[in-house]
Amino acid sequence: MPALTREDDVFVLNLGDGENRFTLDWLTEVEAALDEVTAAEGPRALVTTAGGRFFSNGLDLDWLLANPDVGPAYTDRIEEVFARLLSAPLYTVAALPGHAFGGGAMLALAHDSRVMRADRGYWSLPEAALGLPFMPGMAALIQARLPQQTAHEAMVTSRRYGGTEAQAAGIVDVAVEAEAVRATAVDRAAGHAALAGPNLAGIKTAMYAQVLAALRSPRP
């Protein structure tokens, strides 16, 4: 399960050691961590990472298919997590030690910066290959945070990008050796900790007003 720790001015949210799918309990822990981080005062930043070979495998599709009646409320919670990260009043860095698929790939995009392992692991949006649609808010997030051609290729072809490919495509900011992923992310976050506060939140909210509106749009 997710766990939040702090290293000086940097909060570190470890999503867990497994596939880190978005189960209800997992979402509750992530939401509580975001509550704590955003409510804190003074210089601060956030690194989101994981302890195993997955950053996150995204939505719990088996549970969702078995519980279609709660699907809208479930995806609303996920999109609100994306919105909170996208407009967070502090600098955020996703540190990817391995695979980030579907919702996990989008979770990484909601951060201000991304660091990925260079030699193993993939970032991918498999929805097209799985016959699944993108929710409007999720599509808006992807298109806002990726170069246009990369967003098109990733969404339409379900391509899997390794770390160096992801860096070249503008998906991640830097791809590094496995042992350097966490430290590189913490250093990047710490360098912007002094920016935390309502002004930064306002800047992000203005930049991504349309994306935030789409993520938070009520479902029919």
C-alpha atoms as a PDB file:
ATOM      1  CA  MET A   1       0.000   0.000   0.000  1.00  0.00           C
ATOM      2  CA  PRO A   2       1.123   3.606  -0.494  1.00  0.00           C
ATOM      3  CA  ALA A   3       3.268   5.171   2.216  1.00  0.00           C
ATOM      4  CA  LEU A   4       4.362   8.793   2.684  1.00  0.00           C
ATOM      5  CA  THR A   5       7.707   9.818   4.169  1.00  0.00           C
ATOM      6  CA  ARG A   6       9.675  13.052   4.201  1.00  0.00           C
ATOM      7  CA  GLU A   7      13.300  13.861   3.433  1.00  0.00           C
ATOM      8  CA  ASP A   8      13.965  17.475   4.453  1.00  0.00           C
ATOM      9  CA  ASP A   9      11.806  19.547   2.073  1.00  0.00           C
ATOM     10  CA  VAL A  10      10.770  16.604  -0.118  1.00  0.00           C
ATOM     11  CA  PHE A  11       7.813  14.346   0.602  1.00  0.00           C
ATOM     12  CA  VAL A  12       8.236  10.885  -0.949  1.00  0.00           C
ATOM     13  CA  LEU A  13       5.077   8.940  -1.767  1.00  0.00           C
ATOM     14  CA  ASN A  14       5.890   5.277  -2.375  1.00  0.00           C
ATOM     15  CA  LEU A  15       2.953   3.731  -4.220  1.00  0.00           C
ATOM     16  CA  GLY A  16       3.816   0.178  -3.147  1.00  0.00           C
ATOM     17  CA  ASP A  17       5.769  -2.892  -4.176  1.00  0.00           C
ATOM     18  CA  GLY A  18       3.231  -4.631  -6.444  1.00  0.00           C
ATOM     19  CA  GLU A  19       1.377  -3.598  -9.579  1.00  0.00           C
ATOM     20  CA  ASN A  20      -0.052  -0.619  -7.688  1.00  0.00           C
ATOM     21  CA  ARG A  21      -3.408  -0.787  -9.402  1.00  0.00           C
ATOM     22  CA  PHE A  22      -5.977   1.811  -8.434  1.00  0.00           C
ATOM     23  CA  THR A  23      -7.969  -0.220  -5.913  1.00  0.00           C
ATOM     24  CA  LEU A  24     -10.376   1.613  -3.609  1.00  0.00           C
ATOM     25  CA  ASP A  25      -8.091   1.163  -0.590  1.00  0.00           C
ATOM     26  CA  TRP A  26      -5.078   2.274  -2.635  1.00  0.00           C
ATOM     27  CA  LEU A  27      -6.905   5.406  -3.775  1.00  0.00           C
ATOM     28  CA  THR A  28      -7.860   6.217  -0.188  1.00  0.00           C
ATOM     29  CA  GLU A  29      -4.209   6.090   0.890  1.00  0.00           C
ATOM     30  CA  VAL A  30      -3.068   8.240  -2.039  1.00  0.00           C
ATOM     31  CA  GLU A  31      -5.797  10.798  -1.353  1.00  0.00           C
ATOM     32  CA  ALA A  32      -4.750  10.968   2.311  1.00  0.00           C
ATOM     33  CA  ALA A  33      -1.127  11.495   1.297  1.00  0.00           C
ATOM     34  CA  LEU A  34      -2.107  14.346  -1.026  1.00  0.00           C
ATOM     35  CA  ASP A  35      -4.148  15.875   1.794  1.00  0.00           C
ATOM     36  CA  GLU A  36      -1.080  15.872   4.046  1.00  0.00           C
ATOM     37  CA  VAL A  37       1.312  17.202   1.422  1.00  0.00           C
ATOM     38  CA  THR A  38      -0.928  20.031   0.255  1.00  0.00           C
ATOM     39  CA  ALA A  39      -1.811  21.061   3.820  1.00  0.00           C
ATOM     40  CA  ALA A  40       1.825  21.295   4.909  1.00  0.00           C
ATOM     41  CA  GLU A  41       3.454  24.704   5.155  1.00  0.00           C
ATOM     42  CA  GLY A  42       6.785  26.094   4.064  1.00  0.00           C
ATOM     43  CA  PRO A  43       9.134  24.895   1.330  1.00  0.00           C
ATOM     44  CA  ARG A  44       8.162  21.454   0.110  1.00  0.00           C
ATOM     45  CA  ALA A  45       7.953  19.265  -2.981  1.00  0.00           C
ATOM     46  CA  LEU A  46       6.694  15.788  -3.805  1.00  0.00           C
ATOM     47  CA  VAL A  47       8.282  12.728  -5.375  1.00  0.00           C
ATOM     48  CA  THR A  48       5.978   9.838  -6.282  1.00  0.00           C
ATOM     49  CA  THR A  49       7.692   6.510  -6.840  1.00  0.00           C
ATOM     50  CA  ALA A  50       7.310   2.775  -6.184  1.00  0.00           C
ATOM     51  CA  GLY A  51       9.258  -0.042  -4.605  1.00  0.00           C
ATOM     52  CA  GLY A  52       9.010  -2.777  -7.228  1.00  0.00           C
ATOM     53  CA  ARG A  53       9.159  -3.209 -10.980  1.00  0.00           C
ATOM     54  CA  PHE A  54       5.926  -1.264 -11.519  1.00  0.00           C
ATOM     55  CA  PHE A  55       5.274   2.414 -11.022  1.00  0.00           C
ATOM     56  CA  SER A  56       1.598   1.636 -11.544  1.00  0.00           C
ATOM     57  CA  ASN A  57      -0.439  -0.661 -13.752  1.00  0.00           C
ATOM     58  CA  GLY A  58      -3.397   1.717 -13.591  1.00  0.00           C
ATOM     59  CA  LEU A  59      -7.076   0.937 -13.184  1.00  0.00           C
ATOM     60  CA  ASP A  60      -8.255  -2.235 -11.479  1.00  0.00           C
ATOM     61  CA  LEU A  61     -10.015  -3.457 -14.622  1.00  0.00           C
ATOM     62  CA  ASP A  62     -11.118  -6.825 -13.245  1.00  0.00           C
ATOM     63  CA  TRP A  63     -12.882  -5.139 -10.333  1.00  0.00           C
ATOM     64  CA  LEU A  64     -14.319  -2.454 -12.606  1.00  0.00           C
ATOM     65  CA  LEU A  65     -15.802  -5.010 -15.021  1.00  0.00           C
ATOM     66  CA  ALA A  66     -17.335  -6.870 -12.079  1.00  0.00           C
ATOM     67  CA  ASN A  67     -18.813  -3.668 -10.619  1.00  0.00           C
ATOM     68  CA  PRO A  68     -20.027  -1.574 -13.579  1.00  0.00           C
ATOM     69  CA  ASP A  69     -22.605   0.244 -11.446  1.00  0.00           C
ATOM     70  CA  VAL A  70     -19.871   2.043  -9.497  1.00  0.00           C
ATOM     71  CA  GLY A  71     -17.662   2.650 -12.512  1.00  0.00           C
ATOM     72  CA  PRO A  72     -18.460   6.371 -12.902  1.00  0.00           C
ATOM     73  CA  ALA A  73     -17.771   7.138  -9.244  1.00  0.00           C
ATOM     74  CA  TYR A  74     -14.549   5.122  -9.420  1.00  0.00           C
ATOM     75  CA  THR A  75     -13.203   6.911 -12.482  1.00  0.00           C
ATOM     76  CA  ASP A  76     -14.286  10.265 -11.010  1.00  0.00           C
ATOM     77  CA  ARG A  77     -12.028   9.585  -8.005  1.00  0.00           C
ATOM     78  CA  ILE A  78      -9.126   8.727 -10.266  1.00  0.00           C
ATOM     79  CA  GLU A  79      -9.556  11.844 -12.377  1.00  0.00           C
ATOM     80  CA  GLU A  80      -9.736  13.963  -9.214  1.00  0.00           C
ATOM     81  CA  VAL A  81      -6.377  12.538  -8.118  1.00  0.00           C
ATOM     82  CA  PHE A  82      -4.962  13.520 -11.514  1.00  0.00           C
ATOM     83  CA  ALA A  83      -6.465  17.000 -11.152  1.00  0.00           C
ATOM     84  CA  ARG A  84      -5.049  17.463  -7.665  1.00  0.00           C
ATOM     85  CA  LEU A  85      -1.565  16.549  -8.820  1.00  0.00           C
ATOM     86  CA  LEU A  86      -1.789  18.688 -11.949  1.00  0.00           C
ATOM     87  CA  SER A  87      -2.735  21.773  -9.899  1.00  0.00           C
ATOM     88  CA  ALA A  88      -0.781  20.973  -6.717  1.00  0.00           C
ATOM     89  CA  PRO A  89       0.652  23.944  -4.790  1.00  0.00           C
ATOM     90  CA  LEU A  90       4.130  22.407  -4.912  1.00  0.00           C
ATOM     91  CA  TYR A  91       6.531  20.959  -7.466  1.00  0.00           C
ATOM     92  CA  THR A  92       5.944  17.276  -8.192  1.00  0.00           C
ATOM     93  CA  VAL A  93       8.187  14.625  -9.737  1.00  0.00           C
ATOM     94  CA  ALA A  94       7.238  11.090 -10.780  1.00  0.00           C
ATOM     95  CA  ALA A  95      10.128   8.638 -10.359  1.00  0.00           C
ATOM     96  CA  LEU A  96       9.446   5.561 -12.502  1.00  0.00           C
ATOM     97  CA  PRO A  97      11.457   2.496 -11.442  1.00  0.00           C
ATOM     98  CA  GLY A  98       9.648   0.317 -13.975  1.00  0.00           C
ATOM     99  CA  HIS A  99       6.389  -0.079 -15.864  1.00  0.00           C
ATOM    100  CA  ALA A 100       3.740   2.662 -16.042  1.00  0.00           C
ATOM    101  CA  PHE A 101       0.689   1.497 -17.986  1.00  0.00           C
ATOM    102  CA  GLY A 102      -2.687   3.110 -18.684  1.00  0.00           C
ATOM    103  CA  GLY A 103      -3.832   5.054 -15.657  1.00  0.00           C
ATOM    104  CA  GLY A 104      -0.353   4.667 -14.175  1.00  0.00           C
ATOM    105  CA  ALA A 105       1.127   6.354 -17.239  1.00  0.00           C
ATOM    106  CA  MET A 106      -1.419   9.168 -16.860  1.00  0.00           C
ATOM    107  CA  LEU A 107      -0.619   9.466 -13.156  1.00  0.00           C
ATOM    108  CA  ALA A 108       2.992  10.113 -14.109  1.00  0.00           C
ATOM    109  CA  LEU A 109       1.920  12.757 -16.655  1.00  0.00           C
ATOM    110  CA  ALA A 110       0.000  14.646 -13.966  1.00  0.00           C
ATOM    111  CA  HIS A 111       3.327  15.437 -12.255  1.00  0.00           C
ATOM    112  CA  ASP A 112       5.441  18.440 -13.194  1.00  0.00           C
ATOM    113  CA  SER A 113       8.446  16.294 -14.100  1.00  0.00           C
ATOM    114  CA  ARG A 114       9.254  12.639 -14.740  1.00  0.00           C
ATOM    115  CA  VAL A 115      12.392  10.554 -14.198  1.00  0.00           C
ATOM    116  CA  MET A 116      12.439   7.016 -15.627  1.00  0.00           C
ATOM    117  CA  ARG A 117      14.721   4.023 -15.454  1.00  0.00           C
ATOM    118  CA  ALA A 118      16.646   3.803 -18.710  1.00  0.00           C
ATOM    119  CA  ASP A 119      17.319   0.094 -19.067  1.00  0.00           C
ATOM    120  CA  ARG A 120      14.074  -1.653 -18.076  1.00  0.00           C
ATOM    121  CA  GLY A 121      10.379  -0.885 -17.904  1.00  0.00           C
ATOM    122  CA  TYR A 122       7.861   0.659 -20.264  1.00  0.00           C
ATOM    123  CA  TRP A 123       5.557   3.663 -20.321  1.00  0.00           C
ATOM    124  CA  SER A 124       2.438   2.871 -22.364  1.00  0.00           C
ATOM    125  CA  LEU A 125      -1.201   3.735 -22.961  1.00  0.00           C
ATOM    126  CA  PRO A 126      -2.653   0.322 -23.954  1.00  0.00           C
ATOM    127  CA  GLU A 127      -6.275   1.438 -24.273  1.00  0.00           C
ATOM    128  CA  ALA A 128      -6.430   1.145 -28.082  1.00  0.00           C
ATOM    129  CA  ALA A 129      -5.024  -2.393 -27.964  1.00  0.00           C
ATOM    130  CA  LEU A 130      -7.456  -3.337 -25.196  1.00  0.00           C
ATOM    131  CA  GLY A 131     -10.501  -1.861 -26.907  1.00  0.00           C
ATOM    132  CA  LEU A 132     -11.002   0.726 -24.168  1.00  0.00           C
ATOM    133  CA  PRO A 133     -11.909   4.417 -24.631  1.00  0.00           C
ATOM    134  CA  PHE A 134     -10.157   7.377 -23.077  1.00  0.00           C
ATOM    135  CA  MET A 135     -12.362   9.443 -20.795  1.00  0.00           C
ATOM    136  CA  PRO A 136     -12.466  13.087 -21.997  1.00  0.00           C
ATOM    137  CA  GLY A 137     -10.548  14.341 -18.985  1.00  0.00           C
ATOM    138  CA  MET A 138      -7.877  11.687 -19.366  1.00  0.00           C
ATOM    139  CA  ALA A 139      -7.507  12.443 -23.084  1.00  0.00           C
ATOM    140  CA  ALA A 140      -7.196  16.138 -22.282  1.00  0.00           C
ATOM    141  CA  LEU A 141      -4.477  15.432 -19.703  1.00  0.00           C
ATOM    142  CA  ILE A 142      -2.439  13.333 -22.126  1.00  0.00           C
ATOM    143  CA  GLN A 143      -2.712  15.876 -24.933  1.00  0.00           C
ATOM    144  CA  ALA A 144      -1.787  18.764 -22.657  1.00  0.00           C
ATOM    145  CA  ARG A 145       1.294  17.092 -21.186  1.00  0.00           C
ATOM    146  CA  LEU A 146       2.805  15.467 -24.286  1.00  0.00           C
ATOM    147  CA  PRO A 147       4.043  16.757 -27.646  1.00  0.00           C
ATOM    148  CA  GLN A 148       1.215  16.454 -30.173  1.00  0.00           C
ATOM    149  CA  GLN A 149       2.770  13.719 -32.306  1.00  0.00           C
ATOM    150  CA  THR A 150       3.779  11.703 -29.240  1.00  0.00           C
ATOM    151  CA  ALA A 151       0.275  11.950 -27.784  1.00  0.00           C
ATOM    152  CA  HIS A 152      -1.198  10.782 -31.092  1.00  0.00           C
ATOM    153  CA  GLU A 153       1.155   7.829 -31.418  1.00  0.00           C
ATOM    154  CA  ALA A 154       0.821   6.794 -27.766  1.00  0.00           C
ATOM    155  CA  MET A 155      -2.987   6.956 -27.769  1.00  0.00           C
ATOM    156  CA  VAL A 156      -3.634   5.486 -31.220  1.00  0.00           C
ATOM    157  CA  THR A 157      -0.991   2.738 -31.401  1.00  0.00           C
ATOM    158  CA  SER A 158      -0.519   1.714 -27.732  1.00  0.00           C
ATOM    159  CA  ARG A 159       3.252   1.839 -28.305  1.00  0.00           C
ATOM    160  CA  ARG A 160       5.457   0.830 -25.397  1.00  0.00           C
ATOM    161  CA  TYR A 161       8.257   3.310 -24.758  1.00  0.00           C
ATOM    162  CA  GLY A 162      11.391   2.270 -22.909  1.00  0.00           C
ATOM    163  CA  GLY A 163      13.158   4.867 -20.795  1.00  0.00           C
ATOM    164  CA  THR A 164      15.484   6.318 -23.426  1.00  0.00           C
ATOM    165  CA  GLU A 165      12.670   6.229 -26.023  1.00  0.00           C
ATOM    166  CA  ALA A 166      10.357   7.988 -23.576  1.00  0.00           C
ATOM    167  CA  GLN A 167      12.942  10.710 -23.035  1.00  0.00           C
ATOM    168  CA  ALA A 168      13.416  11.191 -26.786  1.00  0.00           C
ATOM    169  CA  ALA A 169       9.626  11.403 -27.257  1.00  0.00           C
ATOM    170  CA  GLY A 170       9.189  14.026 -24.531  1.00  0.00           C
ATOM    171  CA  ILE A 171       7.302  11.719 -22.187  1.00  0.00           C
ATOM    172  CA  VAL A 172       9.908  11.868 -19.425  1.00  0.00           C
ATOM    173  CA  ASP A 173      12.463  14.562 -18.709  1.00  0.00           C
ATOM    174  CA  VAL A 174      15.364  12.231 -18.092  1.00  0.00           C
ATOM    175  CA  ALA A 175      16.157   8.492 -18.196  1.00  0.00           C
ATOM    176  CA  VAL A 176      18.848   7.301 -15.790  1.00  0.00           C
ATOM    177  CA  GLU A 177      20.314   4.116 -14.358  1.00  0.00           C
ATOM    178  CA  ALA A 178      18.045   2.190 -12.007  1.00  0.00           C
ATOM    179  CA  GLU A 179      19.940   3.101  -8.854  1.00  0.00           C
ATOM    180  CA  ALA A 180      19.781   6.808  -9.719  1.00  0.00           C
ATOM    181  CA  VAL A 181      16.033   7.140 -10.377  1.00  0.00           C
ATOM    182  CA  ARG A 182      14.924   8.030  -6.859  1.00  0.00           C
ATOM    183  CA  ALA A 183      17.873  10.266  -6.034  1.00  0.00           C
ATOM    184  CA  THR A 184      17.586  12.151  -9.310  1.00  0.00           C
ATOM    185  CA  ALA A 185      13.879  12.762  -8.690  1.00  0.00           C
ATOM    186  CA  VAL A 186      14.483  13.946  -5.116  1.00  0.00           C
ATOM    187  CA  ASP A 187      17.201  16.343  -6.305  1.00  0.00           C
ATOM    188  CA  ARG A 188      14.922  17.768  -8.999  1.00  0.00           C
ATOM    189  CA  ALA A 189      12.092  18.191  -6.502  1.00  0.00           C
ATOM    190  CA  ALA A 190      14.268  19.754  -3.810  1.00  0.00           C
ATOM    191  CA  GLY A 191      15.533  22.340  -6.278  1.00  0.00           C
ATOM    192  CA  HIS A 192      11.997  23.740  -6.609  1.00  0.00           C
ATOM    193  CA  ALA A 193      10.741  23.303  -3.033  1.00  0.00           C
ATOM    194  CA  ALA A 194      10.911  27.046  -2.369  1.00  0.00           C
ATOM    195  CA  LEU A 195       8.211  27.638  -5.005  1.00  0.00           C
ATOM    196  CA  ALA A 196       5.497  25.891  -2.979  1.00  0.00           C
ATOM    197  CA  GLY A 197       2.415  27.901  -2.144  1.00  0.00           C
ATOM    198  CA  PRO A 198      -0.809  29.339  -3.509  1.00  0.00           C
ATOM    199  CA  ASN A 199       0.900  31.290  -6.274  1.00  0.00           C
ATOM    200  CA  LEU A 200       2.266  28.111  -7.835  1.00  0.00           C
ATOM    201  CA  ALA A 201      -1.147  26.490  -7.534  1.00  0.00           C
ATOM    202  CA  GLY A 202      -2.682  29.503  -9.260  1.00  0.00           C
ATOM    203  CA  ILE A 203      -0.189  29.361 -12.107  1.00  0.00           C
ATOM    204  CA  LYS A 204      -0.878  25.675 -12.713  1.00  0.00           C
ATOM    205  CA  THR A 205      -4.627  26.135 -12.440  1.00  0.00           C
ATOM    206  CA  ALA A 206      -4.523  28.890 -15.066  1.00  0.00           C
ATOM    207  CA  MET A 207      -2.240  26.878 -17.352  1.00  0.00           C
ATOM    208  CA  TYR A 208      -4.434  23.795 -17.247  1.00  0.00           C
ATOM    209  CA  ALA A 209      -7.871  25.306 -16.733  1.00  0.00           C
ATOM    210  CA  GLN A 210      -9.455  23.369 -19.615  1.00  0.00           C
ATOM    211  CA  VAL A 211      -7.857  20.072 -18.580  1.00  0.00           C
ATOM    212  CA  LEU A 212      -8.957  20.528 -14.971  1.00  0.00           C
ATOM    213  CA  ALA A 213     -12.490  21.326 -16.103  1.00  0.00           C
ATOM    214  CA  ALA A 214     -12.563  18.156 -18.216  1.00  0.00           C
ATOM    215  CA  LEU A 215     -11.170  16.013 -15.391  1.00  0.00           C
ATOM    216  CA  ARG A 216     -13.767  17.380 -12.996  1.00  0.00           C
ATOM    217  CA  SER A 217     -16.723  17.475 -15.376  1.00  0.00           C
ATOM    218  CA  PRO A 218     -19.761  15.622 -13.975  1.00  0.00           C
ATOM    219  CA  ARG A 219     -20.712  12.493 -15.863  1.00  0.00           C
ATOM    220  CA  PRO A 220     -24.197  12.254 -17.432  1.00  0.00           C
END
